[in-house]
Amino acid sequence: MTPVFREYIVNFVHVYLDDIFIYSSSIEEHEEHLRMVFNKLREAQLYLSQDKVDLYSKRMDYLSHLITDAGIHADVVKMQKI
């Protein structure tokens, strides 16, 4: 995934294995970023898993981290268990 999205990584895309995270400042910007990512996926002949797609989430739980509009943070509840 990294070679496919190399020009977008750090700007508005984060990839980890087969997961793609797109972050934007506004809905309009996000829709443009989605178009760009979808075009790259088409060019690379890659496909999304419908059950994993969440296009407009304001919060995600991922690998014991919370991803929100404020950034990426460790999940406090999971960290307390450690």
PDB file of N, CA and C in Angstrom:
ATOM      1  N   MET A   1       0.819  -1.198   0.000  1.00  0.00           N
ATOM      2  CA  MET A   1       0.000   0.000   0.000  1.00  0.00           C
ATOM      3  C   MET A   1       0.863   1.262   0.000  1.00  0.00           C
ATOM      4  N   THR A   2       1.990   1.201   0.680  1.00  0.00           N
ATOM      5  CA  THR A   2       2.834   2.390   0.761  1.00  0.00           C
ATOM      6  C   THR A   2       3.271   2.894  -0.617  1.00  0.00           C
ATOM      7  N   PRO A   3       3.738   2.028  -1.523  1.00  0.00           N
ATOM      8  CA  PRO A   3       4.127   2.539  -2.848  1.00  0.00           C
ATOM      9  C   PRO A   3       2.957   3.155  -3.622  1.00  0.00           C
ATOM     10  N   VAL A   4       1.774   2.623  -3.458  1.00  0.00           N
ATOM     11  CA  VAL A   4       0.604   3.134  -4.177  1.00  0.00           C
ATOM     12  C   VAL A   4       0.274   4.550  -3.725  1.00  0.00           C
ATOM     13  N   PHE A   5       0.355   4.801  -2.422  1.00  0.00           N
ATOM     14  CA  PHE A   5      -0.064   6.088  -1.857  1.00  0.00           C
ATOM     15  C   PHE A   5       1.100   6.980  -1.441  1.00  0.00           C
ATOM     16  N   ARG A   6       2.302   6.672  -1.904  1.00  0.00           N
ATOM     17  CA  ARG A   6       3.508   7.399  -1.492  1.00  0.00           C
ATOM     18  C   ARG A   6       3.339   8.920  -1.546  1.00  0.00           C
ATOM     19  N   GLU A   7       2.757   9.446  -2.603  1.00  0.00           N
ATOM     20  CA  GLU A   7       2.639  10.906  -2.738  1.00  0.00           C
ATOM     21  C   GLU A   7       1.588  11.519  -1.801  1.00  0.00           C
ATOM     22  N   TYR A   8       0.705  10.688  -1.235  1.00  0.00           N
ATOM     23  CA  TYR A   8      -0.345  11.192  -0.350  1.00  0.00           C
ATOM     24  C   TYR A   8      -0.028  11.005   1.129  1.00  0.00           C
ATOM     25  N   ILE A   9       0.884  10.054   1.421  1.00  0.00           N
ATOM     26  CA  ILE A   9       1.219   9.755   2.812  1.00  0.00           C
ATOM     27  C   ILE A   9       1.820  10.999   3.455  1.00  0.00           C
ATOM     28  N   VAL A  10       1.430  11.248   4.674  1.00  0.00           N
ATOM     29  CA  VAL A  10       1.792  12.402   5.493  1.00  0.00           C
ATOM     30  C   VAL A  10       0.911  13.605   5.150  1.00  0.00           C
ATOM     31  N   ASN A  11       0.521  13.771   3.890  1.00  0.00           N
ATOM     32  CA  ASN A  11      -0.337  14.898   3.511  1.00  0.00           C
ATOM     33  C   ASN A  11      -1.781  14.684   3.954  1.00  0.00           C
ATOM     34  N   PHE A  12      -2.350  13.507   3.633  1.00  0.00           N
ATOM     35  CA  PHE A  12      -3.731  13.233   4.042  1.00  0.00           C
ATOM     36  C   PHE A  12      -4.056  11.746   4.108  1.00  0.00           C
ATOM     37  N   VAL A  13      -3.048  10.897   3.991  1.00  0.00           N
ATOM     38  CA  VAL A  13      -3.268   9.454   4.039  1.00  0.00           C
ATOM     39  C   VAL A  13      -2.266   8.818   5.000  1.00  0.00           C
ATOM     40  N   HIS A  14      -2.764   7.829   5.735  1.00  0.00           N
ATOM     41  CA  HIS A  14      -1.908   6.960   6.542  1.00  0.00           C
ATOM     42  C   HIS A  14      -2.280   5.539   6.159  1.00  0.00           C
ATOM     43  N   VAL A  15      -1.304   4.699   5.883  1.00  0.00           N
ATOM     44  CA  VAL A  15      -1.585   3.296   5.576  1.00  0.00           C
ATOM     45  C   VAL A  15      -0.860   2.410   6.571  1.00  0.00           C
ATOM     46  N   TYR A  16      -1.517   1.328   6.929  1.00  0.00           N
ATOM     47  CA  TYR A  16      -0.914   0.313   7.780  1.00  0.00           C
ATOM     48  C   TYR A  16      -1.379  -1.029   7.255  1.00  0.00           C
ATOM     49  N   LEU A  17      -0.438  -1.804   6.728  1.00  0.00           N
ATOM     50  CA  LEU A  17      -0.741  -3.073   6.069  1.00  0.00           C
ATOM     51  C   LEU A  17      -1.779  -2.832   4.976  1.00  0.00           C
ATOM     52  N   ASP A  18      -3.009  -3.343   5.159  1.00  0.00           N
ATOM     53  CA  ASP A  18      -4.034  -3.152   4.123  1.00  0.00           C
ATOM     54  C   ASP A  18      -5.091  -2.124   4.531  1.00  0.00           C
ATOM     55  N   ASP A  19      -4.810  -1.343   5.571  1.00  0.00           N
ATOM     56  CA  ASP A  19      -5.757  -0.321   6.020  1.00  0.00           C
ATOM     57  C   ASP A  19      -5.327   1.055   5.512  1.00  0.00           C
ATOM     58  N   ILE A  20      -6.310   1.831   5.089  1.00  0.00           N
ATOM     59  CA  ILE A  20      -6.056   3.178   4.580  1.00  0.00           C
ATOM     60  C   ILE A  20      -6.845   4.152   5.441  1.00  0.00           C
ATOM     61  N   PHE A  21      -6.165   5.149   5.990  1.00  0.00           N
ATOM     62  CA  PHE A  21      -6.819   6.193   6.765  1.00  0.00           C
ATOM     63  C   PHE A  21      -6.667   7.496   6.005  1.00  0.00           C
ATOM     64  N   ILE A  22      -7.774   8.192   5.805  1.00  0.00           N
ATOM     65  CA  ILE A  22      -7.775   9.470   5.092  1.00  0.00           C
ATOM     66  C   ILE A  22      -8.245  10.530   6.071  1.00  0.00           C
ATOM     67  N   TYR A  23      -7.473  11.585   6.224  1.00  0.00           N
ATOM     68  CA  TYR A  23      -7.847  12.645   7.146  1.00  0.00           C
ATOM     69  C   TYR A  23      -7.890  13.978   6.403  1.00  0.00           C
ATOM     70  N   SER A  24      -8.865  14.796   6.779  1.00  0.00           N
ATOM     71  CA  SER A  24      -9.118  16.053   6.074  1.00  0.00           C
ATOM     72  C   SER A  24      -9.636  17.102   7.047  1.00  0.00           C
ATOM     73  N   SER A  25      -9.577  18.360   6.622  1.00  0.00           N
ATOM     74  CA  SER A  25     -10.020  19.473   7.464  1.00  0.00           C
ATOM     75  C   SER A  25     -11.495  19.814   7.288  1.00  0.00           C
ATOM     76  N   SER A  26     -12.079  19.423   6.159  1.00  0.00           N
ATOM     77  CA  SER A  26     -13.488  19.732   5.901  1.00  0.00           C
ATOM     78  C   SER A  26     -14.108  18.601   5.089  1.00  0.00           C
ATOM     79  N   ILE A  27     -15.424  18.603   5.025  1.00  0.00           N
ATOM     80  CA  ILE A  27     -16.132  17.595   4.227  1.00  0.00           C
ATOM     81  C   ILE A  27     -15.744  17.717   2.761  1.00  0.00           C
ATOM     82  N   GLU A  28     -15.678  18.941   2.264  1.00  0.00           N
ATOM     83  CA  GLU A  28     -15.332  19.163   0.846  1.00  0.00           C
ATOM     84  C   GLU A  28     -13.924  18.644   0.549  1.00  0.00           C
ATOM     85  N   GLU A  29     -12.998  18.952   1.433  1.00  0.00           N
ATOM     86  CA  GLU A  29     -11.633  18.473   1.259  1.00  0.00           C
ATOM     87  C   GLU A  29     -11.588  16.946   1.347  1.00  0.00           C
ATOM     88  N   HIS A  30     -12.359  16.388   2.278  1.00  0.00           N
ATOM     89  CA  HIS A  30     -12.400  14.934   2.453  1.00  0.00           C
ATOM     90  C   HIS A  30     -12.930  14.257   1.189  1.00  0.00           C
ATOM     91  N   GLU A  31     -13.955  14.815   0.595  1.00  0.00           N
ATOM     92  CA  GLU A  31     -14.502  14.221  -0.629  1.00  0.00           C
ATOM     93  C   GLU A  31     -13.491  14.265  -1.765  1.00  0.00           C
ATOM     94  N   GLU A  32     -12.706  15.319  -1.840  1.00  0.00           N
ATOM     95  CA  GLU A  32     -11.643  15.385  -2.845  1.00  0.00           C
ATOM     96  C   GLU A  32     -10.559  14.347  -2.551  1.00  0.00           C
ATOM     97  N   HIS A  33     -10.196  14.197  -1.297  1.00  0.00           N
ATOM     98  CA  HIS A  33      -9.213  13.182  -0.907  1.00  0.00           C
ATOM     99  C   HIS A  33      -9.733  11.781  -1.223  1.00  0.00           C
ATOM    100  N   LEU A  34     -11.001  11.534  -0.960  1.00  0.00           N
ATOM    101  CA  LEU A  34     -11.594  10.234  -1.289  1.00  0.00           C
ATOM    102  C   LEU A  34     -11.495   9.960  -2.786  1.00  0.00           C
ATOM    103  N   ARG A  35     -11.820  10.955  -3.604  1.00  0.00           N
ATOM    104  CA  ARG A  35     -11.716  10.781  -5.063  1.00  0.00           C
ATOM    105  C   ARG A  35     -10.291  10.415  -5.472  1.00  0.00           C
ATOM    106  N   MET A  36      -9.333  11.109  -4.888  1.00  0.00           N
ATOM    107  CA  MET A  36      -7.934  10.852  -5.222  1.00  0.00           C
ATOM    108  C   MET A  36      -7.516   9.432  -4.814  1.00  0.00           C
ATOM    109  N   VAL A  37      -7.919   9.010  -3.627  1.00  0.00           N
ATOM    110  CA  VAL A  37      -7.591   7.667  -3.148  1.00  0.00           C
ATOM    111  C   VAL A  37      -8.289   6.609  -3.999  1.00  0.00           C
ATOM    112  N   PHE A  38      -9.557   6.813  -4.312  1.00  0.00           N
ATOM    113  CA  PHE A  38     -10.280   5.855  -5.151  1.00  0.00           C
ATOM    114  C   PHE A  38      -9.633   5.735  -6.527  1.00  0.00           C
ATOM    115  N   ASN A  39      -9.173   6.841  -7.087  1.00  0.00           N
ATOM    116  CA  ASN A  39      -8.494   6.793  -8.385  1.00  0.00           C
ATOM    117  C   ASN A  39      -7.205   5.989  -8.305  1.00  0.00           C
ATOM    118  N   LYS A  40      -6.433   6.187  -7.236  1.00  0.00           N
ATOM    119  CA  LYS A  40      -5.194   5.418  -7.053  1.00  0.00           C
ATOM    120  C   LYS A  40      -5.496   3.927  -6.915  1.00  0.00           C
ATOM    121  N   LEU A  41      -6.549   3.606  -6.170  1.00  0.00           N
ATOM    122  CA  LEU A  41      -6.935   2.200  -6.015  1.00  0.00           C
ATOM    123  C   LEU A  41      -7.316   1.589  -7.365  1.00  0.00           C
ATOM    124  N   ARG A  42      -8.083   2.335  -8.156  1.00  0.00           N
ATOM    125  CA  ARG A  42      -8.462   1.858  -9.496  1.00  0.00           C
ATOM    126  C   ARG A  42      -7.235   1.612 -10.366  1.00  0.00           C
ATOM    127  N   GLU A  43      -6.317   2.588 -10.373  1.00  0.00           N
ATOM    128  CA  GLU A  43      -5.101   2.454 -11.177  1.00  0.00           C
ATOM    129  C   GLU A  43      -4.295   1.218 -10.778  1.00  0.00           C
ATOM    130  N   ALA A  44      -4.246   0.926  -9.492  1.00  0.00           N
ATOM    131  CA  ALA A  44      -3.486  -0.217  -8.984  1.00  0.00           C
ATOM    132  C   ALA A  44      -4.302  -1.511  -9.022  1.00  0.00           C
ATOM    133  N   GLN A  45      -5.526  -1.417  -9.487  1.00  0.00           N
ATOM    134  CA  GLN A  45      -6.462  -2.554  -9.537  1.00  0.00           C
ATOM    135  C   GLN A  45      -6.624  -3.199  -8.157  1.00  0.00           C
ATOM    136  N   LEU A  46      -6.795  -2.339  -7.160  1.00  0.00           N
ATOM    137  CA  LEU A  46      -7.052  -2.779  -5.792  1.00  0.00           C
ATOM    138  C   LEU A  46      -8.504  -2.480  -5.445  1.00  0.00           C
ATOM    139  N   TYR A  47      -9.063  -3.278  -4.545  1.00  0.00           N
ATOM    140  CA  TYR A  47     -10.474  -3.144  -4.209  1.00  0.00           C
ATOM    141  C   TYR A  47     -10.659  -3.033  -2.709  1.00  0.00           C
ATOM    142  N   LEU A  48     -11.686  -2.309  -2.305  1.00  0.00           N
ATOM    143  CA  LEU A  48     -12.013  -2.134  -0.895  1.00  0.00           C
ATOM    144  C   LEU A  48     -12.933  -3.249  -0.423  1.00  0.00           C
ATOM    145  N   SER A  49     -12.815  -3.584   0.849  1.00  0.00           N
ATOM    146  CA  SER A  49     -13.727  -4.526   1.476  1.00  0.00           C
ATOM    147  C   SER A  49     -14.913  -3.730   2.008  1.00  0.00           C
ATOM    148  N   GLN A  50     -16.097  -3.995   1.493  1.00  0.00           N
ATOM    149  CA  GLN A  50     -17.280  -3.206   1.841  1.00  0.00           C
ATOM    150  C   GLN A  50     -17.535  -3.169   3.345  1.00  0.00           C
ATOM    151  N   ASP A  51     -17.274  -4.260   4.050  1.00  0.00           N
ATOM    152  CA  ASP A  51     -17.552  -4.284   5.487  1.00  0.00           C
ATOM    153  C   ASP A  51     -16.524  -3.495   6.302  1.00  0.00           C
ATOM    154  N   LYS A  52     -15.411  -3.074   5.691  1.00  0.00           N
ATOM    155  CA  LYS A  52     -14.401  -2.292   6.404  1.00  0.00           C
ATOM    156  C   LYS A  52     -14.442  -0.807   6.058  1.00  0.00           C
ATOM    157  N   VAL A  53     -15.281  -0.404   5.132  1.00  0.00           N
ATOM    158  CA  VAL A  53     -15.306   0.990   4.679  1.00  0.00           C
ATOM    159  C   VAL A  53     -16.136   1.851   5.622  1.00  0.00           C
ATOM    160  N   ASP A  54     -15.555   2.954   6.052  1.00  0.00           N
ATOM    161  CA  ASP A  54     -16.243   3.958   6.872  1.00  0.00           C
ATOM    162  C   ASP A  54     -15.753   5.310   6.368  1.00  0.00           C
ATOM    163  N   LEU A  55     -16.528   5.948   5.515  1.00  0.00           N
ATOM    164  CA  LEU A  55     -16.047   7.115   4.773  1.00  0.00           C
ATOM    165  C   LEU A  55     -16.088   8.431   5.530  1.00  0.00           C
ATOM    166  N   TYR A  56     -16.965   8.573   6.511  1.00  0.00           N
ATOM    167  CA  TYR A  56     -17.128   9.872   7.171  1.00  0.00           C
ATOM    168  C   TYR A  56     -17.091   9.765   8.692  1.00  0.00           C
ATOM    169  N   SER A  57     -16.245   8.925   9.215  1.00  0.00           N
ATOM    170  CA  SER A  57     -16.159   8.739  10.661  1.00  0.00           C
ATOM    171  C   SER A  57     -15.400   9.888  11.314  1.00  0.00           C
ATOM    172  N   LYS A  58     -15.889  10.345  12.458  1.00  0.00           N
ATOM    173  CA  LYS A  58     -15.187  11.391  13.215  1.00  0.00           C
ATOM    174  C   LYS A  58     -14.304  10.777  14.290  1.00  0.00           C
ATOM    175  N   ARG A  59     -14.487   9.461  14.525  1.00  0.00           N
ATOM    176  CA  ARG A  59     -13.702   8.768  15.550  1.00  0.00           C
ATOM    177  C   ARG A  59     -13.558   7.307  15.140  1.00  0.00           C
ATOM    178  N   MET A  60     -12.345   6.789  15.314  1.00  0.00           N
ATOM    179  CA  MET A  60     -12.100   5.380  15.018  1.00  0.00           C
ATOM    180  C   MET A  60     -11.257   4.775  16.125  1.00  0.00           C
ATOM    181  N   ASP A  61     -11.550   3.531  16.465  1.00  0.00           N
ATOM    182  CA  ASP A  61     -10.715   2.754  17.374  1.00  0.00           C
ATOM    183  C   ASP A  61      -9.863   1.851  16.492  1.00  0.00           C
ATOM    184  N   TYR A  62      -8.542   1.922  16.668  1.00  0.00           N
ATOM    185  CA  TYR A  62      -7.671   1.132  15.816  1.00  0.00           C
ATOM    186  C   TYR A  62      -6.389   0.786  16.559  1.00  0.00           C
ATOM    187  N   LEU A  63      -6.111  -0.499  16.685  1.00  0.00           N
ATOM    188  CA  LEU A  63      -4.894  -0.990  17.322  1.00  0.00           C
ATOM    189  C   LEU A  63      -4.632  -0.319  18.670  1.00  0.00           C
ATOM    190  N   SER A  64      -5.635  -0.313  19.525  1.00  0.00           N
ATOM    191  CA  SER A  64      -5.557   0.271  20.870  1.00  0.00           C
ATOM    192  C   SER A  64      -5.325   1.777  20.870  1.00  0.00           C
ATOM    193  N   HIS A  65      -5.680   2.430  19.773  1.00  0.00           N
ATOM    194  CA  HIS A  65      -5.578   3.882  19.676  1.00  0.00           C
ATOM    195  C   HIS A  65      -6.921   4.456  19.244  1.00  0.00           C
ATOM    196  N   LEU A  66      -7.161   5.693  19.626  1.00  0.00           N
ATOM    197  CA  LEU A  66      -8.335   6.422  19.174  1.00  0.00           C
ATOM    198  C   LEU A  66      -7.866   7.463  18.173  1.00  0.00           C
ATOM    199  N   ILE A  67      -8.495   7.472  17.035  1.00  0.00           N
ATOM    200  CA  ILE A  67      -8.189   8.466  16.018  1.00  0.00           C
ATOM    201  C   ILE A  67      -9.377   9.404  15.961  1.00  0.00           C
ATOM    202  N   THR A  68      -9.141  10.685  16.276  1.00  0.00           N
ATOM    203  CA  THR A  68     -10.208  11.679  16.278  1.00  0.00           C
ATOM    204  C   THR A  68      -9.722  12.924  15.543  1.00  0.00           C
ATOM    205  N   ASP A  69     -10.580  13.933  15.502  1.00  0.00           N
ATOM    206  CA  ASP A  69     -10.169  15.183  14.859  1.00  0.00           C
ATOM    207  C   ASP A  69      -9.081  15.895  15.667  1.00  0.00           C
ATOM    208  N   ALA A  70      -8.847  15.452  16.895  1.00  0.00           N
ATOM    209  CA  ALA A  70      -7.789  16.039  17.723  1.00  0.00           C
ATOM    210  C   ALA A  70      -6.457  15.306  17.546  1.00  0.00           C
ATOM    211  N   GLY A  71      -6.450  14.212  16.790  1.00  0.00           N
ATOM    212  CA  GLY A  71      -5.213  13.471  16.545  1.00  0.00           C
ATOM    213  C   GLY A  71      -5.337  12.009  16.919  1.00  0.00           C
ATOM    214  N   ILE A  72      -4.193  11.355  17.072  1.00  0.00           N
ATOM    215  CA  ILE A  72      -4.131   9.940  17.434  1.00  0.00           C
ATOM    216  C   ILE A  72      -3.689   9.851  18.888  1.00  0.00           C
ATOM    217  N   HIS A  73      -4.454   9.096  19.686  1.00  0.00           N
ATOM    218  CA  HIS A  73      -4.186   8.975  21.114  1.00  0.00           C
ATOM    219  C   HIS A  73      -4.299   7.519  21.529  1.00  0.00           C
ATOM    220  N   ALA A  74      -3.533   7.138  22.531  1.00  0.00           N
ATOM    221  CA  ALA A  74      -3.670   5.806  23.102  1.00  0.00           C
ATOM    222  C   ALA A  74      -5.038   5.701  23.766  1.00  0.00           C
ATOM    223  N   ASP A  75      -5.679   4.552  23.644  1.00  0.00           N
ATOM    224  CA  ASP A  75      -6.973   4.308  24.281  1.00  0.00           C
ATOM    225  C   ASP A  75      -6.734   4.140  25.781  1.00  0.00           C
ATOM    226  N   VAL A  76      -7.163   5.125  26.566  1.00  0.00           N
ATOM    227  CA  VAL A  76      -6.910   5.151  28.009  1.00  0.00           C
ATOM    228  C   VAL A  76      -7.451   3.901  28.688  1.00  0.00           C
ATOM    229  N   VAL A  77      -8.632   3.458  28.316  1.00  0.00           N
ATOM    230  CA  VAL A  77      -9.243   2.276  28.939  1.00  0.00           C
ATOM    231  C   VAL A  77      -8.367   1.051  28.720  1.00  0.00           C
ATOM    232  N   LYS A  78      -7.883   0.872  27.504  1.00  0.00           N
ATOM    233  CA  LYS A  78      -7.022  -0.281  27.219  1.00  0.00           C
ATOM    234  C   LYS A  78      -5.659  -0.142  27.866  1.00  0.00           C
ATOM    235  N   MET A  79      -5.155   1.065  27.972  1.00  0.00           N
ATOM    236  CA  MET A  79      -3.850   1.290  28.591  1.00  0.00           C
ATOM    237  C   MET A  79      -3.908   1.035  30.098  1.00  0.00           C
ATOM    238  N   GLN A  80      -5.054   1.288  30.745  1.00  0.00           N
ATOM    239  CA  GLN A  80      -5.189   1.052  32.184  1.00  0.00           C
ATOM    240  C   GLN A  80      -5.073  -0.437  32.499  1.00  0.00           C
ATOM    241  N   LYS A  81      -5.491  -1.279  31.573  1.00  0.00           N
ATOM    242  CA  LYS A  81      -5.403  -2.731  31.786  1.00  0.00           C
ATOM    243  C   LYS A  81      -3.972  -3.217  31.813  1.00  0.00           C
ATOM    244  N   ILE A  82      -3.097  -2.481  31.143  1.00  0.00           N
ATOM    245  CA  ILE A  82      -1.678  -2.858  31.110  1.00  0.00           C
ATOM    246  C   ILE A  82      -1.067  -2.493  32.432  1.00  0.00           C
TER     247      ILE A  82
END
